Each structure stands twice: as C-alpha cells, then as structure tokens.
Amino acid sequence: MPTNPEIAVSCASGVEKVLKSELKRLGYDDFPVVNGTCSFKGTLFDVANLNVNLRTADRVYIKLAEFTVEDFDTLFEGVRSVELESYLPENAKIIVSGKCVKSKLFAVSSCQSIVKKAIVVRLTEKYKINRLLENGALYEISFSIFKDVCTVLLNTSGVGLHKRGYRDLVGIAPIKETLGSSLILLSDFYYDRPFADPFCGSGTLAIEATKIALNIAGGISRRFAFNDWTNFDQKYFSLAYEKAKDNEKRDRKIEIYGSDIDPKAISIAKRHAERAGLDKYIKFEQKDVKDFYLPLKNGTIVSNPPYGERVYDKREAEECYKSLRKSFDKLDNWSMFIITSAKNFEKQFGKRADRERKLYNSNKECKFYYYYNNQGEKL
C-alpha cells in the first residue's frame, strides 16, 4: 500500500469548525473543510493516528481518485483507471457504497453496480485472474458524486468513529458519541471545571467529557477496518496507539456528574462508564431535573434534554425546560450549553441565549444554545 496517500476526513454538518480545531491540536495544518470533508496529503501513520485520536470525525478515508462524470461510461472508465491494485489485494472482499447529489447521475444503486463492475474488471486484469474470490478482509469503497464530480474513497475506519466500543445498550433518543464530543468541545468545559449533564440518558456526554478531561483518545478502545488489512503495516497502528496511551492524564482530579429521572437510564449509564473503564471518575445519580443541584463553582452543563417528540410530550418537555432554568439559577457561576430541536426553548427556559448555532442530531435540525456564567443568580 502506498505510504503517502491523500487522506480525507469526514464529519457531520455543523461541526466542521470543531474538526478543524481537532486536526490543528493533533499537529495537522489548517486545511479547509469542504462539503463536510477535509483532504490533505499524509502517511499511513496519519491514517492510524487520526482514527485513534479524532473525537468528532465520522470516518477517515484514503482518497483514491477524483474525476468528472456525466454518464455511466465516464464513471466506469474513471474508476477503472484508478490504480486499485495498489490498495486492494487479490482476495479483498469488496463492498461499494455511495451517494449522488446535484448531478446528472442520481441513481445510487446503478452507480454502485457500475463502480463495482469497474473495480472487478481492473483487478482481474491486473492480477490476471478470471474472477475475484473476495474471501479476504473487507475493503469498503465509497464514492460521492457531487455536481458531476466523482470522488472515490477507501474507508479505513470501518464502522463510524462514533462507535467507541463502550456503548452496547441504547437508551431513549441517544446522542452519537461524535456529536457529544463536538458539543463539549464547543462549550467552555476544561478539565479543572466541574461538568454535569442533568439529562444524562445512557451517559454519552458524561463519558465523552471524562475522556476529554483525561486526554483519552476517542478511538483508543476499538478496532478499525485497516486492522484487518494484511497490506497495511500494523506498526503504524501500534505507534499511534502507544503515543495516545502515553498522552493520557488519568491522574487528573476531575468532577463529572450525570443525572436522570429514569432509573433504567442510570443503570445503562453506569454500565457504559464501566465498560469504558471510567466508572471511578463519574458520579451517576437518579434525580429529577427540578432537584438538580451541585454545591460547586464555575462548572459547565452540557445536555441533550427531551425535545417533546420521542421522550415526553411537548408539555412535559416544556416543564423540563422551566425546571432546568430554576435549577440552573441556583448554581454558582456555571455555564450551560443545550442542544434541542424545540423551537420555543428560549421562551420556555425564560432567558435568551448568549449565542446559538445550528447542528444536526440524527439528521434532525437542532440549535445549540450557549448560556455563559450565571454568576450565581437566584430566581
């Protein structure tokens, strides 16, 4: 496999700025993010390093080609001309996924068939075989046709990077780990500040905050697609893994709290924290938001409260917002950051946000509200 590939890192809409900041902290230059993807020349070590460390990215790809397409013939020839034999071994098990946006070619299933056919033709010709056995490791080829430009990618991550490895049970209306990390990195949380989530659900935000506070890499506890590739030198993964472990700060004194009215949610949250090896750092407690209080100063709340859709009805959700305001005002100099799709959140909360930004939670358009330092105000 070529040692200096072009790398493409994808992320969800709305968190491009956070991804850029992450890349910069990891020592990568300030590359532009276009259509939710950041591309740059790198190394196979970078492929491993990014997969292990990135908290907010969806996947890490090797960019194989980019060309203009206007019909199935140009799509076929474009893929066939790629030096796929440099990346795919003779026995590779190949799957193709893709999307078409604002292009002359819009039938995704037909494009998938054409791309797969072109791959098969290229590899059978280069390896001088009659057919591909496809009995080896899995290689996923992803294509994106946007405004008649086709980008062909090799997925090095496998399943999305939100799959950290600790969450095996799903609560009601869960938030992805990558979005959870994005929210925390957008907030004013720092490891020396208390952190709380009064609607913790299955514990994702509290666990991701703990990993950030202790500088534990996002993907440190999982495997990636490239781990199964015989043509990818696994020394790069070993180097990235050991470097990430060396950078951990598990001796930091941190205060992380999660609470929820649902006892089942608390049980799941505790299980997930234990599976992540972080249970000793997080205090989970069954508690109604109206009873939420911490006698600590200068903390940060990041939370994903009920929207009044899958959890509670609209009236019950609005009562939660009112109770949250009362509890928030009892805290001493805390900040709060809330993601919700509720159109009337500020009205029901009773206070305009200092800032807001548009984000997406499971393809649902939401707003992320910023409330800075309440200075211990009382109702």
Foldseek 3Di string as FASTA:
>chain_A
DDFKFKKKWFFAPPLQVVQQVQCVVVPHDNFDQDPRMGIDIDGLLVQLLCLFFDQQTFFMWGWFDKDFAQDLVCLLVRLLPTPCCLPAPQQAQEAEFEAEEQGNDHDRVVSRVSNVVSVFVNSCVVVVHDGHNNPAAYWYWYWYQYHRMIIIIITFFAGTLLPQPLQPDDWFQDFGLSVLLSLVSVAPDEQVAAEEEAAQQLNSNLLSSVCVNFQQGSNLPDDGSCVRDPSRPCVSNVVSNVVSVVSTRVVDQGHTEYEHQDPVRLVNNLSSCVSVVNNVRYHYDYDQLLPDEDADAAHEYEYEADQCPRPNHNVVSLVSLCSNLQRVLQYAFYKYKYKYARPCSCVSNVHAAPDWTWGATVNRIIIIGIGGTSRNHHD
